[in-house]
N, C-alpha and C. Protein backbone atom coordinates (compact mmCIF):
# COMPACT_ATOMS: atom_id res chain seq x y z
N UNK A 1 161.34 90.41 80.89
CA UNK A 1 160.36 91.45 81.03
C UNK A 1 160.20 91.54 82.60
N UNK A 2 160.13 92.77 83.11
CA UNK A 2 159.90 92.98 84.54
C UNK A 2 158.65 93.60 84.85
N UNK A 3 157.92 93.04 85.75
CA UNK A 3 156.63 93.47 86.24
C UNK A 3 156.78 93.95 87.74
N UNK A 4 156.22 95.18 87.89
CA UNK A 4 156.22 95.64 89.32
C UNK A 4 154.85 95.64 89.78
N UNK A 5 154.47 94.84 90.74
CA UNK A 5 153.15 94.75 91.34
C UNK A 5 153.08 94.78 92.71
N UNK A 6 151.94 94.84 93.43
CA UNK A 6 151.76 94.81 94.83
C UNK A 6 150.31 95.19 95.24
N UNK A 7 150.27 95.57 96.45
CA UNK A 7 148.93 95.82 97.04
C UNK A 7 148.95 97.35 97.58
N UNK A 8 147.96 98.11 97.12
CA UNK A 8 147.79 99.57 97.46
C UNK A 8 146.49 99.69 98.09
N UNK A 9 146.53 100.54 99.24
CA UNK A 9 145.27 101.07 99.81
C UNK A 9 144.95 102.35 99.28
N UNK A 10 143.58 102.51 98.96
CA UNK A 10 143.04 103.78 98.40
C UNK A 10 141.83 104.14 99.21
N UNK A 11 141.64 105.46 99.37
CA UNK A 11 140.40 105.98 100.07
C UNK A 11 139.47 106.46 98.92
N UNK A 12 138.14 106.35 99.28
CA UNK A 12 137.07 106.81 98.35
C UNK A 12 136.09 107.62 99.23
N UNK A 13 135.80 108.80 98.82
CA UNK A 13 134.83 109.71 99.57
C UNK A 13 133.48 109.20 99.36
N UNK A 14 132.77 108.90 100.50
CA UNK A 14 131.42 108.41 100.42
C UNK A 14 130.35 109.56 100.58
N UNK A 15 130.63 110.41 101.56
CA UNK A 15 129.71 111.51 101.80
C UNK A 15 130.32 112.63 102.47
N UNK A 16 129.65 113.75 102.47
CA UNK A 16 130.03 114.98 103.23
C UNK A 16 128.76 115.52 103.89
N UNK A 17 129.00 116.32 104.92
CA UNK A 17 127.97 116.91 105.63
C UNK A 17 128.35 117.66 106.93
N UNK A 18 127.42 117.86 107.74
CA UNK A 18 127.71 118.51 109.00
C UNK A 18 127.34 117.55 110.12
N UNK A 19 128.10 117.60 111.25
CA UNK A 19 127.92 116.77 112.39
C UNK A 19 128.34 117.51 113.63
N UNK A 20 127.94 117.01 114.80
CA UNK A 20 128.53 117.45 116.14
C UNK A 20 129.81 116.83 116.40
N UNK A 21 130.95 117.47 116.19
CA UNK A 21 132.24 116.94 116.36
C UNK A 21 132.43 116.76 117.88
N UNK A 22 132.91 115.52 118.31
CA UNK A 22 133.15 115.35 119.73
C UNK A 22 134.43 115.96 120.21
N UNK A 23 135.31 116.30 119.28
CA UNK A 23 136.57 117.01 119.72
C UNK A 23 136.40 118.54 119.79
N UNK A 24 135.75 119.10 118.75
CA UNK A 24 135.58 120.44 118.66
C UNK A 24 134.42 120.98 119.57
N UNK A 25 133.46 120.04 119.83
CA UNK A 25 132.23 120.39 120.52
C UNK A 25 131.40 121.40 119.70
N UNK A 26 131.40 121.34 118.48
CA UNK A 26 130.60 122.36 117.64
C UNK A 26 130.09 121.61 116.31
N UNK A 27 129.19 122.20 115.63
CA UNK A 27 128.77 121.72 114.41
C UNK A 27 129.94 121.88 113.38
N UNK A 28 130.40 120.84 112.83
CA UNK A 28 131.50 121.05 111.85
C UNK A 28 131.25 120.15 110.66
N UNK A 29 131.92 120.50 109.49
CA UNK A 29 131.79 119.73 108.33
C UNK A 29 132.66 118.47 108.41
N UNK A 30 132.14 117.37 107.89
CA UNK A 30 132.89 116.00 107.94
C UNK A 30 133.03 115.44 106.57
N UNK A 31 133.96 114.59 106.45
CA UNK A 31 134.12 113.71 105.21
C UNK A 31 134.10 112.23 105.60
N UNK A 32 133.23 111.48 104.96
CA UNK A 32 133.15 110.01 105.33
C UNK A 32 133.81 109.28 104.17
N UNK A 33 134.93 108.50 104.63
CA UNK A 33 135.58 107.82 103.53
C UNK A 33 135.64 106.32 103.89
N UNK A 34 135.81 105.56 102.67
CA UNK A 34 135.91 104.06 102.70
C UNK A 34 137.34 103.71 102.29
N UNK A 35 137.99 102.73 102.83
CA UNK A 35 139.23 102.25 102.42
C UNK A 35 139.16 100.97 101.77
N UNK A 36 139.87 100.74 100.70
CA UNK A 36 140.01 99.48 100.10
C UNK A 36 141.42 99.10 99.73
N UNK A 37 141.73 97.80 99.69
CA UNK A 37 142.99 97.32 99.13
C UNK A 37 142.80 96.97 97.67
N UNK A 38 143.81 97.30 96.90
CA UNK A 38 143.71 96.99 95.45
C UNK A 38 145.06 96.21 95.06
N UNK A 39 144.91 95.38 94.08
CA UNK A 39 146.04 94.85 93.41
C UNK A 39 146.59 95.91 92.38
N UNK A 40 147.87 96.19 92.52
CA UNK A 40 148.36 97.25 91.61
C UNK A 40 149.41 96.81 90.75
N UNK A 41 149.56 97.30 89.59
CA UNK A 41 150.52 96.88 88.50
C UNK A 41 151.12 98.18 88.09
N UNK A 42 152.53 98.35 88.23
CA UNK A 42 153.21 99.43 88.05
C UNK A 42 152.66 100.86 88.72
N UNK A 43 152.27 100.56 89.93
CA UNK A 43 151.77 101.57 90.94
C UNK A 43 150.43 102.14 90.63
N UNK A 44 149.72 101.43 89.69
CA UNK A 44 148.33 101.80 89.25
C UNK A 44 147.37 100.80 89.92
N UNK A 45 146.30 101.19 90.77
CA UNK A 45 145.37 100.22 91.24
C UNK A 45 144.50 99.68 90.18
N UNK A 46 144.53 98.32 90.18
CA UNK A 46 143.76 97.72 89.12
C UNK A 46 142.46 97.00 89.55
N UNK A 47 142.57 96.07 90.54
CA UNK A 47 141.54 95.15 90.95
C UNK A 47 141.32 95.39 92.39
N UNK A 48 140.04 95.72 92.88
CA UNK A 48 139.71 95.73 94.38
C UNK A 48 139.79 94.41 94.99
N UNK A 49 140.46 94.27 96.11
CA UNK A 49 140.48 93.05 96.87
C UNK A 49 139.43 92.96 97.96
N UNK A 50 139.60 93.86 98.92
CA UNK A 50 138.65 93.85 100.05
C UNK A 50 138.63 95.20 100.68
N UNK A 51 137.54 95.48 101.48
CA UNK A 51 137.32 96.67 102.23
C UNK A 51 138.12 96.60 103.56
N UNK A 52 138.96 97.66 103.82
CA UNK A 52 139.68 97.63 105.02
C UNK A 52 139.17 98.35 106.15
N UNK A 53 138.16 99.29 105.82
CA UNK A 53 137.58 100.13 106.87
C UNK A 53 136.98 101.35 106.43
N UNK A 54 136.32 102.11 107.35
CA UNK A 54 135.64 103.39 107.07
C UNK A 54 136.03 104.36 108.17
N UNK A 55 136.03 105.64 108.01
CA UNK A 55 136.18 106.63 109.01
C UNK A 55 135.55 107.91 108.58
N UNK A 56 135.33 108.73 109.54
CA UNK A 56 134.73 110.10 109.50
C UNK A 56 135.88 111.07 109.92
N UNK A 57 136.17 112.01 109.10
CA UNK A 57 137.13 113.01 109.40
C UNK A 57 136.62 114.37 109.56
N UNK A 58 136.82 115.08 110.62
CA UNK A 58 136.43 116.49 110.88
C UNK A 58 137.16 117.41 109.95
N UNK A 59 136.51 118.20 109.09
CA UNK A 59 137.30 119.09 108.20
C UNK A 59 138.02 120.24 109.06
N UNK A 60 137.60 120.51 110.26
CA UNK A 60 138.18 121.65 111.03
C UNK A 60 139.41 121.09 111.83
N UNK A 61 139.36 120.00 112.59
CA UNK A 61 140.47 119.64 113.50
C UNK A 61 141.12 118.43 112.88
N UNK A 62 140.68 117.83 111.74
CA UNK A 62 141.37 116.81 111.04
C UNK A 62 141.48 115.58 111.82
N UNK A 63 140.59 115.26 112.73
CA UNK A 63 140.67 114.02 113.54
C UNK A 63 139.80 112.96 112.88
N UNK A 64 140.42 111.82 112.76
CA UNK A 64 139.71 110.69 112.11
C UNK A 64 138.96 109.92 113.21
N UNK A 65 137.68 109.64 113.18
CA UNK A 65 136.91 108.93 114.13
C UNK A 65 136.05 107.83 113.51
N UNK A 66 135.58 107.04 114.30
CA UNK A 66 134.79 105.83 113.78
C UNK A 66 133.45 106.41 113.33
N UNK A 67 132.83 105.68 112.40
CA UNK A 67 131.50 106.08 111.81
C UNK A 67 130.38 106.17 112.80
N UNK A 68 130.45 105.68 113.97
CA UNK A 68 129.34 105.78 114.90
C UNK A 68 129.06 107.23 115.44
N UNK A 69 129.98 108.19 115.20
CA UNK A 69 129.90 109.48 115.67
C UNK A 69 128.74 110.29 114.82
N UNK A 70 128.41 109.64 113.73
CA UNK A 70 127.39 110.31 112.81
C UNK A 70 126.00 110.04 113.39
N UNK A 71 125.70 109.17 114.29
CA UNK A 71 124.50 108.86 114.85
C UNK A 71 124.00 109.78 115.92
């Protein structure tokens, strides 16, 4: 029997809203995401292992930024 397993990173949307984008210099919509590693079996994520990070992405310019831009 053959098992195909590994570690996969997945993103989960935490929040959406509007913020002052430092790149666009205007009020833009953002998406706040959290990234986690999962143990996967046959390319299906099964067990979360650890949190690898968070970011905020501007919906207009698609730039990923650290979360401190929301403050």
